[in-house]
Amino acid sequence: MALELCVLLWASEGNEEALSRYEDTVLALVPKHGGKVVSRVRSRSQGDGPLEVQVIHMPDESTLQAYMQDPERLALTDVHSEAVARTELLTVETIV
């Protein structure tokens, strides 16, 4: 069954650009696993909300897991740990 995901990302303090560079790199791997980045937006507001929100389509759970375990992605674990303070992954459904 196809998955539609909403990813919410908060940057560690002072690491907003590092988060964006990290996401540039790892999101480039999504098509390799049959997925598609549908939308990627960045907050312009100050506050407690996420810095970046993404909508990603993946063919199924196994392709999502393959992406999550991709060696190129895992090689960046230290970058992720430094740049990203918090991540929320939601399974969603487009209404409009």
C-alpha atoms as a PDB file:
ATOM      1  CA  MET A   1       0.000   0.000   0.000  1.00  0.00           C
ATOM      2  CA  ALA A   2       1.352   3.448  -0.962  1.00  0.00           C
ATOM      3  CA  LEU A   3       2.399   5.762   1.855  1.00  0.00           C
ATOM      4  CA  GLU A   4       1.989   9.513   2.037  1.00  0.00           C
ATOM      5  CA  LEU A   5       4.187  10.996   4.731  1.00  0.00           C
ATOM      6  CA  CYS A   6       4.436  14.397   6.352  1.00  0.00           C
ATOM      7  CA  VAL A   7       7.832  15.080   7.901  1.00  0.00           C
ATOM      8  CA  LEU A   8       8.239  17.932  10.383  1.00  0.00           C
ATOM      9  CA  LEU A   9      11.788  19.007  11.242  1.00  0.00           C
ATOM     10  CA  TRP A  10      13.123  21.321  13.946  1.00  0.00           C
ATOM     11  CA  ALA A  11      16.725  22.542  13.711  1.00  0.00           C
ATOM     12  CA  SER A  12      19.143  22.520  16.597  1.00  0.00           C
ATOM     13  CA  GLU A  13      19.893  26.060  17.726  1.00  0.00           C
ATOM     14  CA  GLY A  14      22.034  27.821  15.137  1.00  0.00           C
ATOM     15  CA  ASN A  15      21.885  24.883  12.709  1.00  0.00           C
ATOM     16  CA  GLU A  16      19.108  25.967  10.370  1.00  0.00           C
ATOM     17  CA  GLU A  17      21.333  25.964   7.277  1.00  0.00           C
ATOM     18  CA  ALA A  18      22.953  22.670   8.289  1.00  0.00           C
ATOM     19  CA  LEU A  19      19.490  21.095   8.525  1.00  0.00           C
ATOM     20  CA  SER A  20      18.659  22.333   5.028  1.00  0.00           C
ATOM     21  CA  ARG A  21      21.937  20.999   3.587  1.00  0.00           C
ATOM     22  CA  TYR A  22      21.384  17.641   5.280  1.00  0.00           C
ATOM     23  CA  GLU A  23      17.850  17.420   3.890  1.00  0.00           C
ATOM     24  CA  ASP A  24      19.070  18.421   0.409  1.00  0.00           C
ATOM     25  CA  THR A  25      21.370  15.398   0.523  1.00  0.00           C
ATOM     26  CA  VAL A  26      19.063  12.772   1.989  1.00  0.00           C
ATOM     27  CA  LEU A  27      15.973  13.794   0.016  1.00  0.00           C
ATOM     28  CA  ALA A  28      17.994  13.273  -3.170  1.00  0.00           C
ATOM     29  CA  LEU A  29      18.005   9.558  -2.204  1.00  0.00           C
ATOM     30  CA  VAL A  30      14.191   9.258  -2.127  1.00  0.00           C
ATOM     31  CA  PRO A  31      13.748   8.575  -5.898  1.00  0.00           C
ATOM     32  CA  LYS A  32      16.331   5.781  -5.705  1.00  0.00           C
ATOM     33  CA  HIS A  33      13.801   3.955  -3.510  1.00  0.00           C
ATOM     34  CA  GLY A  34      10.824   4.658  -5.760  1.00  0.00           C
ATOM     35  CA  GLY A  35       9.589   7.625  -3.755  1.00  0.00           C
ATOM     36  CA  LYS A  36       8.847  11.224  -4.604  1.00  0.00           C
ATOM     37  CA  VAL A  37       9.266  14.447  -2.637  1.00  0.00           C
ATOM     38  CA  VAL A  38       5.935  16.149  -3.318  1.00  0.00           C
ATOM     39  CA  SER A  39       6.455  19.297  -1.272  1.00  0.00           C
ATOM     40  CA  ARG A  40       9.164  20.862   0.842  1.00  0.00           C
ATOM     41  CA  VAL A  41       8.523  24.128   2.630  1.00  0.00           C
ATOM     42  CA  ARG A  42      10.436  26.185   5.154  1.00  0.00           C
ATOM     43  CA  SER A  43       8.884  28.311   7.878  1.00  0.00           C
ATOM     44  CA  ARG A  44       9.380  32.056   7.723  1.00  0.00           C
ATOM     45  CA  SER A  45       7.908  32.513  11.207  1.00  0.00           C
ATOM     46  CA  GLN A  46       9.763  32.796  14.470  1.00  0.00           C
ATOM     47  CA  GLY A  47       8.503  30.444  17.140  1.00  0.00           C
ATOM     48  CA  ASP A  48       8.332  26.879  18.319  1.00  0.00           C
ATOM     49  CA  GLY A  49       7.051  25.312  15.102  1.00  0.00           C
ATOM     50  CA  PRO A  50       9.082  23.167  12.736  1.00  0.00           C
ATOM     51  CA  LEU A  51      11.625  24.842  10.464  1.00  0.00           C
ATOM     52  CA  GLU A  52      10.851  22.526   7.562  1.00  0.00           C
ATOM     53  CA  VAL A  53       7.837  20.466   6.498  1.00  0.00           C
ATOM     54  CA  GLN A  54       7.931  17.861   3.736  1.00  0.00           C
ATOM     55  CA  VAL A  55       5.363  15.669   2.012  1.00  0.00           C
ATOM     56  CA  ILE A  56       6.833  12.487   0.605  1.00  0.00           C
ATOM     57  CA  HIS A  57       5.198   9.618  -1.285  1.00  0.00           C
ATOM     58  CA  MET A  58       6.697   6.131  -0.965  1.00  0.00           C
ATOM     59  CA  PRO A  59       5.397   3.004  -2.720  1.00  0.00           C
ATOM     60  CA  ASP A  60       5.072   1.019   0.510  1.00  0.00           C
ATOM     61  CA  GLU A  61       6.501   0.387   3.961  1.00  0.00           C
ATOM     62  CA  SER A  62       9.368  -1.761   2.648  1.00  0.00           C
ATOM     63  CA  THR A  63      10.625   1.017   0.360  1.00  0.00           C
ATOM     64  CA  LEU A  64      10.398   3.494   3.231  1.00  0.00           C
ATOM     65  CA  GLN A  65      12.482   1.171   5.383  1.00  0.00           C
ATOM     66  CA  ALA A  66      14.996   0.704   2.557  1.00  0.00           C
ATOM     67  CA  TYR A  67      15.326   4.502   2.334  1.00  0.00           C
ATOM     68  CA  MET A  68      15.706   4.819   6.116  1.00  0.00           C
ATOM     69  CA  GLN A  69      18.467   2.160   6.052  1.00  0.00           C
ATOM     70  CA  ASP A  70      20.201   3.462   2.910  1.00  0.00           C
ATOM     71  CA  PRO A  71      23.969   3.385   3.597  1.00  0.00           C
ATOM     72  CA  GLU A  72      24.429   6.880   2.133  1.00  0.00           C
ATOM     73  CA  ARG A  73      21.774   8.208   4.505  1.00  0.00           C
ATOM     74  CA  LEU A  74      23.169   6.320   7.504  1.00  0.00           C
ATOM     75  CA  ALA A  75      26.641   7.689   6.770  1.00  0.00           C
ATOM     76  CA  LEU A  76      25.238  11.126   7.665  1.00  0.00           C
ATOM     77  CA  THR A  77      23.955  10.147  11.120  1.00  0.00           C
ATOM     78  CA  ASP A  78      26.422  12.496  12.853  1.00  0.00           C
ATOM     79  CA  VAL A  79      25.340  15.410  10.652  1.00  0.00           C
ATOM     80  CA  HIS A  80      21.702  14.642  11.436  1.00  0.00           C
ATOM     81  CA  SER A  81      22.407  14.444  15.168  1.00  0.00           C
ATOM     82  CA  GLU A  82      24.058  17.859  15.143  1.00  0.00           C
ATOM     83  CA  ALA A  83      21.638  19.691  12.832  1.00  0.00           C
ATOM     84  CA  VAL A  84      18.248  18.229  13.715  1.00  0.00           C
ATOM     85  CA  ALA A  85      16.773  18.741  17.167  1.00  0.00           C
ATOM     86  CA  ARG A  86      13.479  16.963  16.520  1.00  0.00           C
ATOM     87  CA  THR A  87      11.695  15.055  13.763  1.00  0.00           C
ATOM     88  CA  GLU A  88       8.060  14.008  13.554  1.00  0.00           C
ATOM     89  CA  LEU A  89       6.923  11.579  10.854  1.00  0.00           C
ATOM     90  CA  LEU A  90       3.194  11.368  10.216  1.00  0.00           C
ATOM     91  CA  THR A  91       1.326   9.097   7.831  1.00  0.00           C
ATOM     92  CA  VAL A  92      -1.197  11.370   6.129  1.00  0.00           C
ATOM     93  CA  GLU A  93      -3.803  11.491   3.396  1.00  0.00           C
ATOM     94  CA  THR A  94      -4.222  14.362   0.936  1.00  0.00           C
ATOM     95  CA  ILE A  95      -7.703  15.847   1.169  1.00  0.00           C
ATOM     96  CA  VAL A  96      -7.499  18.571  -1.487  1.00  0.00           C
END
